């Protein structure tokens, strides 16, 4: 794997680690913090600009959101100063002593900004969960 792809994977991991810690300050370190930033949370309309995105994460964290989001099946492509990573998000939360799992397909676009890969777009779309057991290792 190329060094660029490794850097994208690290930036992506930093994003999900911050998300799992409910830490907006850490998330901010990964994102472009200007009007170029865009975000589509699963089931939400597009959010434009870092300030609005920051507020959306604060709202998600304050209202309890998912306990944890793990990713798998990621693919990375790099072209010049842009990169995109596709992955499956496996979000879990507890409700009434039950563990609930929600799957989403995510596309995260990164831009090389002052020598660092910064997230320009996070877009997550819910995936249907089949009634039978899912082999998470082979999701595509």
C-alpha atoms as a PDB file:
ATOM      1  CA  UNK A   1       0.000   0.000   0.000  1.00  0.00           C
ATOM      2  CA  UNK A   2       1.299   3.471  -0.817  1.00  0.00           C
ATOM      3  CA  UNK A   3       2.318   5.972   1.849  1.00  0.00           C
ATOM      4  CA  UNK A   4      -0.517   8.275   0.710  1.00  0.00           C
ATOM      5  CA  UNK A   5      -3.096   5.535   1.215  1.00  0.00           C
ATOM      6  CA  UNK A   6      -1.651   4.790   4.655  1.00  0.00           C
ATOM      7  CA  UNK A   7      -2.017   8.479   5.554  1.00  0.00           C
ATOM      8  CA  UNK A   8      -5.655   8.480   4.395  1.00  0.00           C
ATOM      9  CA  UNK A   9      -6.395   5.379   6.460  1.00  0.00           C
ATOM     10  CA  UNK A  10      -4.803   7.049   9.510  1.00  0.00           C
ATOM     11  CA  UNK A  11      -6.835  10.237   9.016  1.00  0.00           C
ATOM     12  CA  UNK A  12      -9.997   8.150   8.617  1.00  0.00           C
ATOM     13  CA  UNK A  13      -9.190   6.153  11.767  1.00  0.00           C
ATOM     14  CA  UNK A  14      -8.616   9.398  13.671  1.00  0.00           C
ATOM     15  CA  UNK A  15     -12.083  10.577  12.577  1.00  0.00           C
ATOM     16  CA  UNK A  16     -13.841   7.417  13.791  1.00  0.00           C
ATOM     17  CA  UNK A  17     -11.796   7.315  17.019  1.00  0.00           C
ATOM     18  CA  UNK A  18     -12.864  10.914  17.749  1.00  0.00           C
ATOM     19  CA  UNK A  19     -16.453  10.046  16.865  1.00  0.00           C
ATOM     20  CA  UNK A  20     -16.399   7.072  19.247  1.00  0.00           C
ATOM     21  CA  UNK A  21     -15.042   9.311  22.017  1.00  0.00           C
ATOM     22  CA  UNK A  22     -17.782  11.889  21.366  1.00  0.00           C
ATOM     23  CA  UNK A  23     -14.977  14.447  20.981  1.00  0.00           C
ATOM     24  CA  UNK A  24     -15.786  17.366  18.675  1.00  0.00           C
ATOM     25  CA  UNK A  25     -12.335  18.909  19.234  1.00  0.00           C
ATOM     26  CA  UNK A  26     -10.633  15.773  17.893  1.00  0.00           C
ATOM     27  CA  UNK A  27     -13.053  15.590  14.969  1.00  0.00           C
ATOM     28  CA  UNK A  28     -12.163  19.190  14.129  1.00  0.00           C
ATOM     29  CA  UNK A  29      -8.497  18.189  13.766  1.00  0.00           C
ATOM     30  CA  UNK A  30      -9.434  15.870  10.886  1.00  0.00           C
ATOM     31  CA  UNK A  31     -11.813  18.163   8.945  1.00  0.00           C
ATOM     32  CA  UNK A  32     -11.326  21.108   6.650  1.00  0.00           C
ATOM     33  CA  UNK A  33     -12.585  23.927   8.841  1.00  0.00           C
ATOM     34  CA  UNK A  34     -14.002  26.233   6.207  1.00  0.00           C
ATOM     35  CA  UNK A  35     -16.861  26.464   3.738  1.00  0.00           C
ATOM     36  CA  UNK A  36     -15.545  23.615   1.566  1.00  0.00           C
ATOM     37  CA  UNK A  37     -16.493  21.041   4.221  1.00  0.00           C
ATOM     38  CA  UNK A  38     -19.690  19.073   3.658  1.00  0.00           C
ATOM     39  CA  UNK A  39     -21.444  16.319   5.591  1.00  0.00           C
ATOM     40  CA  UNK A  40     -24.421  14.042   5.048  1.00  0.00           C
ATOM     41  CA  UNK A  41     -25.272  12.031   8.147  1.00  0.00           C
ATOM     42  CA  UNK A  42     -27.457   9.024   7.329  1.00  0.00           C
ATOM     43  CA  UNK A  43     -31.023  10.289   6.975  1.00  0.00           C
ATOM     44  CA  UNK A  44     -30.045  13.977   7.156  1.00  0.00           C
ATOM     45  CA  UNK A  45     -29.929  16.650   4.464  1.00  0.00           C
ATOM     46  CA  UNK A  46     -26.531  17.950   3.406  1.00  0.00           C
ATOM     47  CA  UNK A  47     -24.730  20.205   5.885  1.00  0.00           C
ATOM     48  CA  UNK A  48     -22.504  22.900   4.396  1.00  0.00           C
ATOM     49  CA  UNK A  49     -19.454  24.426   6.073  1.00  0.00           C
ATOM     50  CA  UNK A  50     -17.453  23.435   9.115  1.00  0.00           C
ATOM     51  CA  UNK A  51     -19.386  25.496  11.678  1.00  0.00           C
ATOM     52  CA  UNK A  52     -22.688  23.803  10.785  1.00  0.00           C
ATOM     53  CA  UNK A  53     -20.996  20.390  10.690  1.00  0.00           C
ATOM     54  CA  UNK A  54     -19.459  21.028  14.105  1.00  0.00           C
ATOM     55  CA  UNK A  55     -22.903  21.871  15.502  1.00  0.00           C
ATOM     56  CA  UNK A  56     -24.346  18.682  13.988  1.00  0.00           C
ATOM     57  CA  UNK A  57     -21.734  16.556  15.769  1.00  0.00           C
ATOM     58  CA  UNK A  58     -22.376  18.380  19.038  1.00  0.00           C
ATOM     59  CA  UNK A  59     -26.099  17.651  18.642  1.00  0.00           C
ATOM     60  CA  UNK A  60     -25.450  13.978  17.888  1.00  0.00           C
ATOM     61  CA  UNK A  61     -23.160  13.646  20.899  1.00  0.00           C
ATOM     62  CA  UNK A  62     -25.514  15.506  23.245  1.00  0.00           C
ATOM     63  CA  UNK A  63     -28.540  13.414  22.253  1.00  0.00           C
ATOM     64  CA  UNK A  64     -26.812  10.110  22.818  1.00  0.00           C
ATOM     65  CA  UNK A  65     -26.233   8.920  19.250  1.00  0.00           C
ATOM     66  CA  UNK A  66     -24.624   5.548  18.715  1.00  0.00           C
ATOM     67  CA  UNK A  67     -22.488   3.925  21.402  1.00  0.00           C
ATOM     68  CA  UNK A  68     -19.847   2.998  18.854  1.00  0.00           C
ATOM     69  CA  UNK A  69     -19.185   2.989  15.115  1.00  0.00           C
ATOM     70  CA  UNK A  70     -16.750   0.430  13.717  1.00  0.00           C
ATOM     71  CA  UNK A  71     -15.674   0.336  10.101  1.00  0.00           C
ATOM     72  CA  UNK A  72     -14.782  -2.464   7.738  1.00  0.00           C
ATOM     73  CA  UNK A  73     -14.430  -3.201   4.056  1.00  0.00           C
ATOM     74  CA  UNK A  74     -12.677   0.012   3.179  1.00  0.00           C
ATOM     75  CA  UNK A  75     -11.269   0.959  -0.185  1.00  0.00           C
ATOM     76  CA  UNK A  76      -8.970   3.931  -0.757  1.00  0.00           C
ATOM     77  CA  UNK A  77      -8.183   5.803  -3.957  1.00  0.00           C
ATOM     78  CA  UNK A  78      -5.861   8.787  -4.317  1.00  0.00           C
ATOM     79  CA  UNK A  79      -5.602  11.201  -7.231  1.00  0.00           C
ATOM     80  CA  UNK A  80      -3.361  14.220  -6.774  1.00  0.00           C
ATOM     81  CA  UNK A  81      -4.496  16.272  -3.771  1.00  0.00           C
ATOM     82  CA  UNK A  82      -7.781  14.365  -3.384  1.00  0.00           C
ATOM     83  CA  UNK A  83      -8.578  10.966  -1.934  1.00  0.00           C
ATOM     84  CA  UNK A  84     -11.729   9.035  -1.221  1.00  0.00           C
ATOM     85  CA  UNK A  85     -12.328   6.171   1.148  1.00  0.00           C
ATOM     86  CA  UNK A  86     -15.396   3.955   1.022  1.00  0.00           C
ATOM     87  CA  UNK A  87     -16.273   1.806   4.016  1.00  0.00           C
ATOM     88  CA  UNK A  88     -19.084   0.065   5.841  1.00  0.00           C
ATOM     89  CA  UNK A  89     -20.032   1.596   9.187  1.00  0.00           C
ATOM     90  CA  UNK A  90     -21.399  -0.756  11.827  1.00  0.00           C
ATOM     91  CA  UNK A  91     -23.064   1.445  14.421  1.00  0.00           C
ATOM     92  CA  UNK A  92     -24.256  -0.068  17.682  1.00  0.00           C
ATOM     93  CA  UNK A  93     -26.370   1.303  20.483  1.00  0.00           C
ATOM     94  CA  UNK A  94     -28.383  -0.033  23.380  1.00  0.00           C
ATOM     95  CA  UNK A  95     -32.102   0.356  23.826  1.00  0.00           C
ATOM     96  CA  UNK A  96     -34.202  -1.376  26.495  1.00  0.00           C
ATOM     97  CA  UNK A  97     -31.354  -3.773  27.359  1.00  0.00           C
ATOM     98  CA  UNK A  98     -31.023  -4.790  23.703  1.00  0.00           C
ATOM     99  CA  UNK A  99     -28.073  -4.178  21.437  1.00  0.00           C
ATOM    100  CA  UNK A 100     -29.130  -2.660  18.110  1.00  0.00           C
ATOM    101  CA  UNK A 101     -26.948  -2.649  14.991  1.00  0.00           C
ATOM    102  CA  UNK A 102     -27.311  -0.245  12.077  1.00  0.00           C
ATOM    103  CA  UNK A 103     -25.222  -0.508   8.911  1.00  0.00           C
ATOM    104  CA  UNK A 104     -24.289   2.397   6.670  1.00  0.00           C
ATOM    105  CA  UNK A 105     -22.184   2.741   3.551  1.00  0.00           C
ATOM    106  CA  UNK A 106     -19.875   5.743   3.970  1.00  0.00           C
ATOM    107  CA  UNK A 107     -17.818   7.765   1.541  1.00  0.00           C
ATOM    108  CA  UNK A 108     -15.193  10.029   3.067  1.00  0.00           C
ATOM    109  CA  UNK A 109     -13.405  12.447   0.757  1.00  0.00           C
ATOM    110  CA  UNK A 110     -10.103  13.948   1.845  1.00  0.00           C
ATOM    111  CA  UNK A 111      -8.131  16.898   0.498  1.00  0.00           C
ATOM    112  CA  UNK A 112      -4.429  17.523   1.005  1.00  0.00           C
ATOM    113  CA  UNK A 113      -4.363  20.830   2.904  1.00  0.00           C
ATOM    114  CA  UNK A 114      -1.030  22.310   4.049  1.00  0.00           C
ATOM    115  CA  UNK A 115       0.577  18.869   3.934  1.00  0.00           C
ATOM    116  CA  UNK A 116      -2.192  17.122   5.907  1.00  0.00           C
ATOM    117  CA  UNK A 117      -5.095  15.024   4.658  1.00  0.00           C
ATOM    118  CA  UNK A 118      -8.308  16.689   5.844  1.00  0.00           C
ATOM    119  CA  UNK A 119     -11.860  15.420   5.486  1.00  0.00           C
ATOM    120  CA  UNK A 120     -13.804  17.475   2.946  1.00  0.00           C
ATOM    121  CA  UNK A 121     -16.922  15.278   2.873  1.00  0.00           C
ATOM    122  CA  UNK A 122     -18.446  12.568   5.030  1.00  0.00           C
ATOM    123  CA  UNK A 123     -21.512  10.941   3.468  1.00  0.00           C
ATOM    124  CA  UNK A 124     -23.252   7.997   5.136  1.00  0.00           C
ATOM    125  CA  UNK A 125     -26.272   6.148   3.735  1.00  0.00           C
ATOM    126  CA  UNK A 126     -28.170   3.479   5.624  1.00  0.00           C
ATOM    127  CA  UNK A 127     -27.930  -0.076   4.332  1.00  0.00           C
ATOM    128  CA  UNK A 128     -30.750  -2.572   4.737  1.00  0.00           C
ATOM    129  CA  UNK A 129     -29.953  -5.472   7.037  1.00  0.00           C
ATOM    130  CA  UNK A 130     -31.125  -8.817   5.648  1.00  0.00           C
ATOM    131  CA  UNK A 131     -33.197 -10.989   7.944  1.00  0.00           C
ATOM    132  CA  UNK A 132     -30.602 -13.756   7.890  1.00  0.00           C
ATOM    133  CA  UNK A 133     -27.211 -13.520   9.573  1.00  0.00           C
ATOM    134  CA  UNK A 134     -24.711 -11.207   7.885  1.00  0.00           C
ATOM    135  CA  UNK A 135     -21.113 -12.157   7.208  1.00  0.00           C
ATOM    136  CA  UNK A 136     -19.604  -8.750   8.091  1.00  0.00           C
ATOM    137  CA  UNK A 137     -16.191  -9.821   6.837  1.00  0.00           C
ATOM    138  CA  UNK A 138     -17.462 -10.169   3.277  1.00  0.00           C
ATOM    139  CA  UNK A 139     -19.722  -7.127   2.970  1.00  0.00           C
ATOM    140  CA  UNK A 140     -19.047  -5.230  -0.231  1.00  0.00           C
END
